[in-house]
């Protein structure tokens, strides 16, 4: 277990920020503790976070500190906002406590392929179905995200039974490629931001939005700026001449998260 500054890390906001689909409110623990507690699962690890502390096995402390990006100063990002941009100043204050999670590229690739044209509750249901069917059990009724080899053991028909719809083929091909080594996500870590986006978009079923999400949340390229229906509305309303990407070069993805969260919570 370790503590964190509740002002700089807000678990509830992160859970609603669209970054991860394996973070959920734990009503029972919240009632017992007297504050909101969220169960977080990443790879084959699990923790309970809320109230200024993260409960996990001691040997996993370093993993979760890295996962929550606790060493990065988000105040410096907020301080860099143009003071004349009243909208961005307001949403950054509203979203303060959101941090970019350092997640696994494989999990992000699959979950964001699934996310296309779906609501967050629907995405979570599909992801949990995959985990329960092909992931390793790590606690009572709790399963790790399936490895490439585990997911590659599934047939197209079996994947389709998890309500993946037209995304079934994309998930199947990604799993087969990752399991065979043809798709080497680890090797992509050495690519430039532009090269990474191009490599991801070369995969079937991965367009600009999914590629930017995987870059941002799976490879921690915080300059990536995913544009979905929420962000598109924000840009049309507040930045009709385009978002000032150059001003926020290298951390535009942090601004995107503040904008996305505010738009969804409005």
C-alpha atoms as a PDB file:
ATOM      1  CA  UNK A   1       0.000   0.000   0.000  1.00  0.00           C
ATOM      2  CA  UNK A   2       1.141   3.552  -0.655  1.00  0.00           C
ATOM      3  CA  UNK A   3      -0.326   7.051  -0.441  1.00  0.00           C
ATOM      4  CA  UNK A   4      -0.818   9.733  -3.074  1.00  0.00           C
ATOM      5  CA  UNK A   5      -1.897  13.372  -3.198  1.00  0.00           C
ATOM      6  CA  UNK A   6      -5.649  13.414  -3.789  1.00  0.00           C
ATOM      7  CA  UNK A   7      -5.388  16.828  -5.456  1.00  0.00           C
ATOM      8  CA  UNK A   8      -3.032  15.573  -8.143  1.00  0.00           C
ATOM      9  CA  UNK A   9      -4.594  12.124  -8.676  1.00  0.00           C
ATOM     10  CA  UNK A  10      -8.363  11.762  -8.845  1.00  0.00           C
ATOM     11  CA  UNK A  11      -9.353   8.136  -9.397  1.00  0.00           C
ATOM     12  CA  UNK A  12     -13.017   8.904 -10.081  1.00  0.00           C
ATOM     13  CA  UNK A  13     -12.148  11.352 -12.843  1.00  0.00           C
ATOM     14  CA  UNK A  14      -9.663   8.957 -14.414  1.00  0.00           C
ATOM     15  CA  UNK A  15     -12.253   6.168 -14.332  1.00  0.00           C
ATOM     16  CA  UNK A  16     -14.578   8.447 -16.332  1.00  0.00           C
ATOM     17  CA  UNK A  17     -11.931   9.771 -18.708  1.00  0.00           C
ATOM     18  CA  UNK A  18     -12.153   6.984 -21.310  1.00  0.00           C
ATOM     19  CA  UNK A  19      -8.543   5.843 -20.863  1.00  0.00           C
ATOM     20  CA  UNK A  20      -9.174   2.447 -19.365  1.00  0.00           C
ATOM     21  CA  UNK A  21     -12.037  -0.014 -19.378  1.00  0.00           C
ATOM     22  CA  UNK A  22     -10.867  -2.085 -16.391  1.00  0.00           C
ATOM     23  CA  UNK A  23     -11.324   0.448 -13.613  1.00  0.00           C
ATOM     24  CA  UNK A  24     -14.642   0.225 -11.795  1.00  0.00           C
ATOM     25  CA  UNK A  25     -16.327   1.592  -8.691  1.00  0.00           C
ATOM     26  CA  UNK A  26     -16.374  -0.902  -5.813  1.00  0.00           C
ATOM     27  CA  UNK A  27     -19.559  -0.197  -3.887  1.00  0.00           C
ATOM     28  CA  UNK A  28     -18.915  -2.704  -1.087  1.00  0.00           C
ATOM     29  CA  UNK A  29     -15.411  -1.440  -0.286  1.00  0.00           C
ATOM     30  CA  UNK A  30     -16.548   2.158  -0.614  1.00  0.00           C
ATOM     31  CA  UNK A  31     -19.230   1.611   2.032  1.00  0.00           C
ATOM     32  CA  UNK A  32     -16.739  -0.154   4.295  1.00  0.00           C
ATOM     33  CA  UNK A  33     -14.060   2.535   3.910  1.00  0.00           C
ATOM     34  CA  UNK A  34     -16.319   5.576   3.935  1.00  0.00           C
ATOM     35  CA  UNK A  35     -14.891   6.962   0.691  1.00  0.00           C
ATOM     36  CA  UNK A  36     -15.014   6.055  -2.998  1.00  0.00           C
ATOM     37  CA  UNK A  37     -12.863   3.046  -3.866  1.00  0.00           C
ATOM     38  CA  UNK A  38     -12.116   1.833  -7.381  1.00  0.00           C
ATOM     39  CA  UNK A  39     -10.832  -1.574  -8.404  1.00  0.00           C
ATOM     40  CA  UNK A  40      -8.116  -1.291 -11.029  1.00  0.00           C
ATOM     41  CA  UNK A  41      -6.825  -4.163 -13.154  1.00  0.00           C
ATOM     42  CA  UNK A  42      -3.801  -3.953 -15.441  1.00  0.00           C
ATOM     43  CA  UNK A  43      -2.142  -6.964 -17.035  1.00  0.00           C
ATOM     44  CA  UNK A  44      -2.314  -9.631 -14.305  1.00  0.00           C
ATOM     45  CA  UNK A  45      -2.260  -7.171 -11.398  1.00  0.00           C
ATOM     46  CA  UNK A  46      -5.033  -5.620  -9.334  1.00  0.00           C
ATOM     47  CA  UNK A  47      -5.279  -2.848  -6.775  1.00  0.00           C
ATOM     48  CA  UNK A  48      -7.915  -0.838  -4.946  1.00  0.00           C
ATOM     49  CA  UNK A  49      -7.460   2.925  -5.145  1.00  0.00           C
ATOM     50  CA  UNK A  50      -9.233   5.811  -3.464  1.00  0.00           C
ATOM     51  CA  UNK A  51      -9.136   8.144  -0.511  1.00  0.00           C
ATOM     52  CA  UNK A  52      -5.478   8.962  -1.077  1.00  0.00           C
ATOM     53  CA  UNK A  53      -4.097   5.428  -1.010  1.00  0.00           C
ATOM     54  CA  UNK A  54      -3.519   2.451  -3.280  1.00  0.00           C
ATOM     55  CA  UNK A  55      -3.984  -0.976  -1.687  1.00  0.00           C
ATOM     56  CA  UNK A  56      -1.890  -3.622  -3.418  1.00  0.00           C
ATOM     57  CA  UNK A  57       0.771  -6.228  -2.603  1.00  0.00           C
ATOM     58  CA  UNK A  58       3.986  -4.475  -1.536  1.00  0.00           C
ATOM     59  CA  UNK A  59       5.888  -5.977  -4.450  1.00  0.00           C
ATOM     60  CA  UNK A  60       3.490  -4.218  -6.849  1.00  0.00           C
ATOM     61  CA  UNK A  61       3.951  -0.708  -5.415  1.00  0.00           C
ATOM     62  CA  UNK A  62       6.444   0.325  -8.100  1.00  0.00           C
ATOM     63  CA  UNK A  63       4.193  -1.022 -10.869  1.00  0.00           C
ATOM     64  CA  UNK A  64       1.190   1.008  -9.739  1.00  0.00           C
ATOM     65  CA  UNK A  65       3.214   4.168  -9.081  1.00  0.00           C
ATOM     66  CA  UNK A  66       4.405   3.973 -12.665  1.00  0.00           C
ATOM     67  CA  UNK A  67       0.916   3.076 -13.926  1.00  0.00           C
ATOM     68  CA  UNK A  68      -0.589   6.200 -12.340  1.00  0.00           C
ATOM     69  CA  UNK A  69       2.279   8.355 -13.653  1.00  0.00           C
ATOM     70  CA  UNK A  70       2.926   9.763 -10.189  1.00  0.00           C
ATOM     71  CA  UNK A  71       6.361  11.162 -11.004  1.00  0.00           C
ATOM     72  CA  UNK A  72       5.077  13.613 -13.632  1.00  0.00           C
ATOM     73  CA  UNK A  73       4.122  17.185 -12.706  1.00  0.00           C
ATOM     74  CA  UNK A  74       0.764  17.906 -14.285  1.00  0.00           C
ATOM     75  CA  UNK A  75       0.817  21.383 -12.754  1.00  0.00           C
ATOM     76  CA  UNK A  76       3.482  22.279 -15.318  1.00  0.00           C
ATOM     77  CA  UNK A  77       1.092  21.301 -18.127  1.00  0.00           C
ATOM     78  CA  UNK A  78      -1.703  23.402 -16.646  1.00  0.00           C
ATOM     79  CA  UNK A  79       0.641  26.350 -16.089  1.00  0.00           C
ATOM     80  CA  UNK A  80       1.484  26.271 -19.812  1.00  0.00           C
ATOM     81  CA  UNK A  81      -2.125  26.934 -20.863  1.00  0.00           C
ATOM     82  CA  UNK A  82      -2.666  30.210 -22.702  1.00  0.00           C
ATOM     83  CA  UNK A  83      -4.250  32.512 -20.066  1.00  0.00           C
ATOM     84  CA  UNK A  84      -6.437  34.012 -22.789  1.00  0.00           C
ATOM     85  CA  UNK A  85      -7.921  30.575 -23.538  1.00  0.00           C
ATOM     86  CA  UNK A  86     -10.707  30.730 -20.983  1.00  0.00           C
ATOM     87  CA  UNK A  87     -12.287  27.477 -22.163  1.00  0.00           C
ATOM     88  CA  UNK A  88      -9.137  25.387 -21.790  1.00  0.00           C
ATOM     89  CA  UNK A  89      -8.304  27.063 -18.480  1.00  0.00           C
ATOM     90  CA  UNK A  90     -11.757  26.150 -17.178  1.00  0.00           C
ATOM     91  CA  UNK A  91     -11.788  22.518 -18.328  1.00  0.00           C
ATOM     92  CA  UNK A  92      -8.238  21.956 -17.050  1.00  0.00           C
ATOM     93  CA  UNK A  93      -9.331  23.128 -13.619  1.00  0.00           C
ATOM     94  CA  UNK A  94     -12.435  20.929 -13.854  1.00  0.00           C
ATOM     95  CA  UNK A  95     -10.343  17.921 -14.875  1.00  0.00           C
ATOM     96  CA  UNK A  96      -7.481  18.479 -12.446  1.00  0.00           C
ATOM     97  CA  UNK A  97      -6.439  15.122 -11.017  1.00  0.00           C
ATOM     98  CA  UNK A  98      -6.626  13.299 -14.361  1.00  0.00           C
ATOM     99  CA  UNK A  99      -3.301  11.740 -15.301  1.00  0.00           C
ATOM    100  CA  UNK A 100      -2.310   9.733 -18.380  1.00  0.00           C
ATOM    101  CA  UNK A 101      -2.132   6.110 -17.277  1.00  0.00           C
ATOM    102  CA  UNK A 102       0.889   4.120 -18.443  1.00  0.00           C
ATOM    103  CA  UNK A 103      -0.847   1.069 -19.831  1.00  0.00           C
ATOM    104  CA  UNK A 104       0.070  -1.999 -21.867  1.00  0.00           C
ATOM    105  CA  UNK A 105       0.136  -1.434 -25.664  1.00  0.00           C
ATOM    106  CA  UNK A 106      -1.399  -4.857 -26.376  1.00  0.00           C
ATOM    107  CA  UNK A 107      -4.356  -4.280 -24.076  1.00  0.00           C
ATOM    108  CA  UNK A 108      -4.848  -0.773 -25.465  1.00  0.00           C
ATOM    109  CA  UNK A 109      -4.770  -2.004 -29.060  1.00  0.00           C
ATOM    110  CA  UNK A 110      -7.490  -4.576 -28.491  1.00  0.00           C
ATOM    111  CA  UNK A 111      -9.692  -2.472 -26.226  1.00  0.00           C
ATOM    112  CA  UNK A 112      -9.625   0.554 -28.505  1.00  0.00           C
ATOM    113  CA  UNK A 113     -10.337  -1.587 -31.561  1.00  0.00           C
ATOM    114  CA  UNK A 114     -13.389  -2.786 -29.641  1.00  0.00           C
ATOM    115  CA  UNK A 115     -14.259   0.790 -28.622  1.00  0.00           C
ATOM    116  CA  UNK A 116     -15.180   1.923 -32.129  1.00  0.00           C
ATOM    117  CA  UNK A 117     -18.767   3.193 -32.330  1.00  0.00           C
ATOM    118  CA  UNK A 118     -19.584   1.924 -28.822  1.00  0.00           C
ATOM    119  CA  UNK A 119     -20.493   3.444 -25.467  1.00  0.00           C
ATOM    120  CA  UNK A 120     -18.099   3.006 -22.549  1.00  0.00           C
ATOM    121  CA  UNK A 121     -20.431   0.590 -20.666  1.00  0.00           C
ATOM    122  CA  UNK A 122     -20.712  -1.546 -23.806  1.00  0.00           C
ATOM    123  CA  UNK A 123     -16.933  -1.551 -24.274  1.00  0.00           C
ATOM    124  CA  UNK A 124     -16.415  -2.635 -20.665  1.00  0.00           C
ATOM    125  CA  UNK A 125     -18.876  -5.502 -21.086  1.00  0.00           C
ATOM    126  CA  UNK A 126     -17.057  -6.794 -24.178  1.00  0.00           C
ATOM    127  CA  UNK A 127     -13.624  -6.453 -22.571  1.00  0.00           C
ATOM    128  CA  UNK A 128     -14.713  -8.342 -19.456  1.00  0.00           C
ATOM    129  CA  UNK A 129     -16.178 -11.089 -21.650  1.00  0.00           C
ATOM    130  CA  UNK A 130     -12.793 -11.553 -23.334  1.00  0.00           C
ATOM    131  CA  UNK A 131     -10.985 -11.565 -19.998  1.00  0.00           C
ATOM    132  CA  UNK A 132     -13.300 -14.088 -18.374  1.00  0.00           C
ATOM    133  CA  UNK A 133     -13.144 -16.439 -21.332  1.00  0.00           C
ATOM    134  CA  UNK A 134      -9.435 -16.309 -22.205  1.00  0.00           C
ATOM    135  CA  UNK A 135      -7.632 -14.453 -19.409  1.00  0.00           C
ATOM    136  CA  UNK A 136      -5.983 -16.031 -16.372  1.00  0.00           C
ATOM    137  CA  UNK A 137      -7.957 -15.864 -13.115  1.00  0.00           C
ATOM    138  CA  UNK A 138      -6.159 -13.619 -10.611  1.00  0.00           C
ATOM    139  CA  UNK A 139      -8.833 -13.429  -7.883  1.00  0.00           C
ATOM    140  CA  UNK A 140     -12.392 -14.572  -7.273  1.00  0.00           C
ATOM    141  CA  UNK A 141     -14.267 -13.855 -10.522  1.00  0.00           C
ATOM    142  CA  UNK A 142     -11.512 -11.478 -11.628  1.00  0.00           C
ATOM    143  CA  UNK A 143      -9.394 -12.192 -14.698  1.00  0.00           C
ATOM    144  CA  UNK A 144      -6.266 -10.766 -16.283  1.00  0.00           C
ATOM    145  CA  UNK A 145      -6.404  -9.353 -19.780  1.00  0.00           C
ATOM    146  CA  UNK A 146      -5.627 -12.252 -22.167  1.00  0.00           C
ATOM    147  CA  UNK A 147      -2.141 -12.423 -23.623  1.00  0.00           C
ATOM    148  CA  UNK A 148      -1.719 -12.517 -27.410  1.00  0.00           C
ATOM    149  CA  UNK A 149      -1.252 -16.299 -27.260  1.00  0.00           C
ATOM    150  CA  UNK A 150      -4.365 -16.758 -25.118  1.00  0.00           C
ATOM    151  CA  UNK A 151      -6.518 -14.596 -27.369  1.00  0.00           C
ATOM    152  CA  UNK A 152      -5.070 -16.170 -30.516  1.00  0.00           C
ATOM    153  CA  UNK A 153      -6.478 -19.507 -29.350  1.00  0.00           C
ATOM    154  CA  UNK A 154      -9.983 -18.138 -29.986  1.00  0.00           C
ATOM    155  CA  UNK A 155     -11.735 -18.757 -33.270  1.00  0.00           C
ATOM    156  CA  UNK A 156     -13.616 -16.047 -35.142  1.00  0.00           C
ATOM    157  CA  UNK A 157     -16.882 -17.617 -34.022  1.00  0.00           C
ATOM    158  CA  UNK A 158     -15.836 -17.641 -30.375  1.00  0.00           C
ATOM    159  CA  UNK A 159     -14.746 -14.011 -30.518  1.00  0.00           C
ATOM    160  CA  UNK A 160     -17.999 -13.047 -32.213  1.00  0.00           C
ATOM    161  CA  UNK A 161     -19.908 -14.576 -29.298  1.00  0.00           C
ATOM    162  CA  UNK A 162     -18.466 -11.792 -27.108  1.00  0.00           C
ATOM    163  CA  UNK A 163     -20.567  -9.226 -29.014  1.00  0.00           C
ATOM    164  CA  UNK A 164     -17.654  -7.769 -30.942  1.00  0.00           C
ATOM    165  CA  UNK A 165     -19.699  -7.317 -34.107  1.00  0.00           C
ATOM    166  CA  UNK A 166     -17.742  -6.161 -37.157  1.00  0.00           C
ATOM    167  CA  UNK A 167     -14.690  -5.687 -34.896  1.00  0.00           C
ATOM    168  CA  UNK A 168     -14.357  -9.482 -34.547  1.00  0.00           C
ATOM    169  CA  UNK A 169     -12.112  -9.792 -37.592  1.00  0.00           C
ATOM    170  CA  UNK A 170      -9.871  -6.942 -36.424  1.00  0.00           C
ATOM    171  CA  UNK A 171      -9.394  -8.474 -32.967  1.00  0.00           C
ATOM    172  CA  UNK A 172      -8.760 -11.905 -34.485  1.00  0.00           C
ATOM    173  CA  UNK A 173      -6.119 -10.626 -36.917  1.00  0.00           C
ATOM    174  CA  UNK A 174      -4.383  -8.557 -34.219  1.00  0.00           C
ATOM    175  CA  UNK A 175      -4.251 -11.579 -31.886  1.00  0.00           C
ATOM    176  CA  UNK A 176      -2.920 -13.874 -34.587  1.00  0.00           C
ATOM    177  CA  UNK A 177      -0.294 -11.332 -35.609  1.00  0.00           C
ATOM    178  CA  UNK A 178       0.844 -10.594 -32.053  1.00  0.00           C
ATOM    179  CA  UNK A 179       0.987 -14.283 -31.131  1.00  0.00           C
ATOM    180  CA  UNK A 180       3.041 -15.178 -34.214  1.00  0.00           C
ATOM    181  CA  UNK A 181       5.423 -12.267 -33.764  1.00  0.00           C
ATOM    182  CA  UNK A 182       4.451 -10.669 -37.058  1.00  0.00           C
ATOM    183  CA  UNK A 183       2.974  -7.827 -34.998  1.00  0.00           C
ATOM    184  CA  UNK A 184       5.698  -6.743 -32.569  1.00  0.00           C
ATOM    185  CA  UNK A 185       4.306  -3.973 -30.398  1.00  0.00           C
ATOM    186  CA  UNK A 186       7.402  -3.832 -28.204  1.00  0.00           C
ATOM    187  CA  UNK A 187       9.574  -2.972 -31.181  1.00  0.00           C
ATOM    188  CA  UNK A 188       7.275  -0.024 -31.883  1.00  0.00           C
ATOM    189  CA  UNK A 189       8.440   1.702 -28.699  1.00  0.00           C
ATOM    190  CA  UNK A 190      11.516   2.873 -30.570  1.00  0.00           C
ATOM    191  CA  UNK A 191       9.558   4.595 -33.332  1.00  0.00           C
ATOM    192  CA  UNK A 192       9.009   8.319 -33.584  1.00  0.00           C
ATOM    193  CA  UNK A 193       5.477   9.580 -32.891  1.00  0.00           C
ATOM    194  CA  UNK A 194       4.715   9.859 -36.608  1.00  0.00           C
ATOM    195  CA  UNK A 195       6.201   6.448 -37.361  1.00  0.00           C
ATOM    196  CA  UNK A 196       4.228   4.888 -34.518  1.00  0.00           C
ATOM    197  CA  UNK A 197       0.939   6.283 -35.802  1.00  0.00           C
ATOM    198  CA  UNK A 198       1.723   5.052 -39.322  1.00  0.00           C
ATOM    199  CA  UNK A 199       2.622   1.566 -38.057  1.00  0.00           C
ATOM    200  CA  UNK A 200      -0.562   1.317 -36.025  1.00  0.00           C
ATOM    201  CA  UNK A 201      -2.753   2.544 -38.891  1.00  0.00           C
ATOM    202  CA  UNK A 202      -1.242  -0.146 -41.107  1.00  0.00           C
ATOM    203  CA  UNK A 203      -3.151  -2.680 -38.979  1.00  0.00           C
ATOM    204  CA  UNK A 204      -6.572  -3.722 -40.207  1.00  0.00           C
ATOM    205  CA  UNK A 205      -9.336  -1.944 -38.324  1.00  0.00           C
ATOM    206  CA  UNK A 206      -7.087   0.783 -36.910  1.00  0.00           C
ATOM    207  CA  UNK A 207      -7.785   4.317 -38.089  1.00  0.00           C
ATOM    208  CA  UNK A 208      -6.472   7.689 -36.877  1.00  0.00           C
ATOM    209  CA  UNK A 209      -8.623   7.816 -33.732  1.00  0.00           C
ATOM    210  CA  UNK A 210      -7.731   4.325 -32.506  1.00  0.00           C
ATOM    211  CA  UNK A 211      -4.064   4.799 -33.442  1.00  0.00           C
ATOM    212  CA  UNK A 212      -3.889   8.036 -31.453  1.00  0.00           C
ATOM    213  CA  UNK A 213      -5.592   6.410 -28.459  1.00  0.00           C
ATOM    214  CA  UNK A 214      -3.145   3.488 -28.505  1.00  0.00           C
ATOM    215  CA  UNK A 215      -0.237   5.920 -28.868  1.00  0.00           C
ATOM    216  CA  UNK A 216      -1.463   8.065 -25.981  1.00  0.00           C
ATOM    217  CA  UNK A 217      -2.583   5.416 -23.514  1.00  0.00           C
ATOM    218  CA  UNK A 218      -0.502   2.407 -24.568  1.00  0.00           C
ATOM    219  CA  UNK A 219       2.807   4.006 -25.527  1.00  0.00           C
ATOM    220  CA  UNK A 220       2.551   7.124 -23.338  1.00  0.00           C
ATOM    221  CA  UNK A 221       2.999   9.451 -26.310  1.00  0.00           C
ATOM    222  CA  UNK A 222       1.317  12.332 -24.531  1.00  0.00           C
ATOM    223  CA  UNK A 223       1.563  14.527 -27.589  1.00  0.00           C
ATOM    224  CA  UNK A 224      -1.042  12.328 -29.324  1.00  0.00           C
ATOM    225  CA  UNK A 225      -4.451  13.959 -29.742  1.00  0.00           C
ATOM    226  CA  UNK A 226      -7.309  11.494 -30.412  1.00  0.00           C
ATOM    227  CA  UNK A 227     -10.372  13.024 -32.044  1.00  0.00           C
ATOM    228  CA  UNK A 228     -13.660  11.254 -31.374  1.00  0.00           C
ATOM    229  CA  UNK A 229     -17.227  12.549 -31.464  1.00  0.00           C
ATOM    230  CA  UNK A 230     -16.786  14.422 -28.158  1.00  0.00           C
ATOM    231  CA  UNK A 231     -13.567  16.161 -29.140  1.00  0.00           C
ATOM    232  CA  UNK A 232     -14.927  16.912 -32.603  1.00  0.00           C
ATOM    233  CA  UNK A 233     -17.806  18.809 -30.989  1.00  0.00           C
ATOM    234  CA  UNK A 234     -15.400  20.707 -28.741  1.00  0.00           C
ATOM    235  CA  UNK A 235     -13.185  21.682 -31.654  1.00  0.00           C
ATOM    236  CA  UNK A 236     -16.126  22.923 -33.720  1.00  0.00           C
ATOM    237  CA  UNK A 237     -17.503  24.981 -30.830  1.00  0.00           C
ATOM    238  CA  UNK A 238     -14.332  26.354 -29.247  1.00  0.00           C
ATOM    239  CA  UNK A 239     -11.591  26.007 -31.881  1.00  0.00           C
ATOM    240  CA  UNK A 240     -13.214  26.528 -35.300  1.00  0.00           C
ATOM    241  CA  UNK A 241      -9.821  27.536 -36.695  1.00  0.00           C
ATOM    242  CA  UNK A 242      -8.104  24.491 -35.205  1.00  0.00           C
ATOM    243  CA  UNK A 243      -6.650  23.592 -31.822  1.00  0.00           C
ATOM    244  CA  UNK A 244      -3.259  25.297 -31.197  1.00  0.00           C
ATOM    245  CA  UNK A 245      -1.268  22.060 -31.316  1.00  0.00           C
ATOM    246  CA  UNK A 246       2.101  23.817 -31.545  1.00  0.00           C
ATOM    247  CA  UNK A 247       1.606  25.574 -28.219  1.00  0.00           C
ATOM    248  CA  UNK A 248       0.970  22.219 -26.524  1.00  0.00           C
ATOM    249  CA  UNK A 249       3.409  20.186 -28.556  1.00  0.00           C
ATOM    250  CA  UNK A 250       4.572  17.169 -26.581  1.00  0.00           C
ATOM    251  CA  UNK A 251       1.625  17.165 -24.151  1.00  0.00           C
ATOM    252  CA  UNK A 252      -1.481  17.932 -26.233  1.00  0.00           C
ATOM    253  CA  UNK A 253      -2.905  14.583 -25.105  1.00  0.00           C
ATOM    254  CA  UNK A 254      -3.165  15.902 -21.556  1.00  0.00           C
ATOM    255  CA  UNK A 255      -5.243  18.820 -22.839  1.00  0.00           C
ATOM    256  CA  UNK A 256      -7.339  16.365 -24.845  1.00  0.00           C
ATOM    257  CA  UNK A 257      -8.180  14.467 -21.667  1.00  0.00           C
ATOM    258  CA  UNK A 258      -9.343  17.612 -19.873  1.00  0.00           C
ATOM    259  CA  UNK A 259     -11.490  18.515 -22.875  1.00  0.00           C
ATOM    260  CA  UNK A 260     -12.899  15.013 -23.258  1.00  0.00           C
ATOM    261  CA  UNK A 261     -13.753  14.678 -19.567  1.00  0.00           C
ATOM    262  CA  UNK A 262     -15.484  18.060 -19.407  1.00  0.00           C
ATOM    263  CA  UNK A 263     -17.480  17.330 -22.574  1.00  0.00           C
ATOM    264  CA  UNK A 264     -18.679  13.944 -21.282  1.00  0.00           C
ATOM    265  CA  UNK A 265     -19.555  15.265 -17.836  1.00  0.00           C
ATOM    266  CA  UNK A 266     -21.450  18.331 -19.128  1.00  0.00           C
END
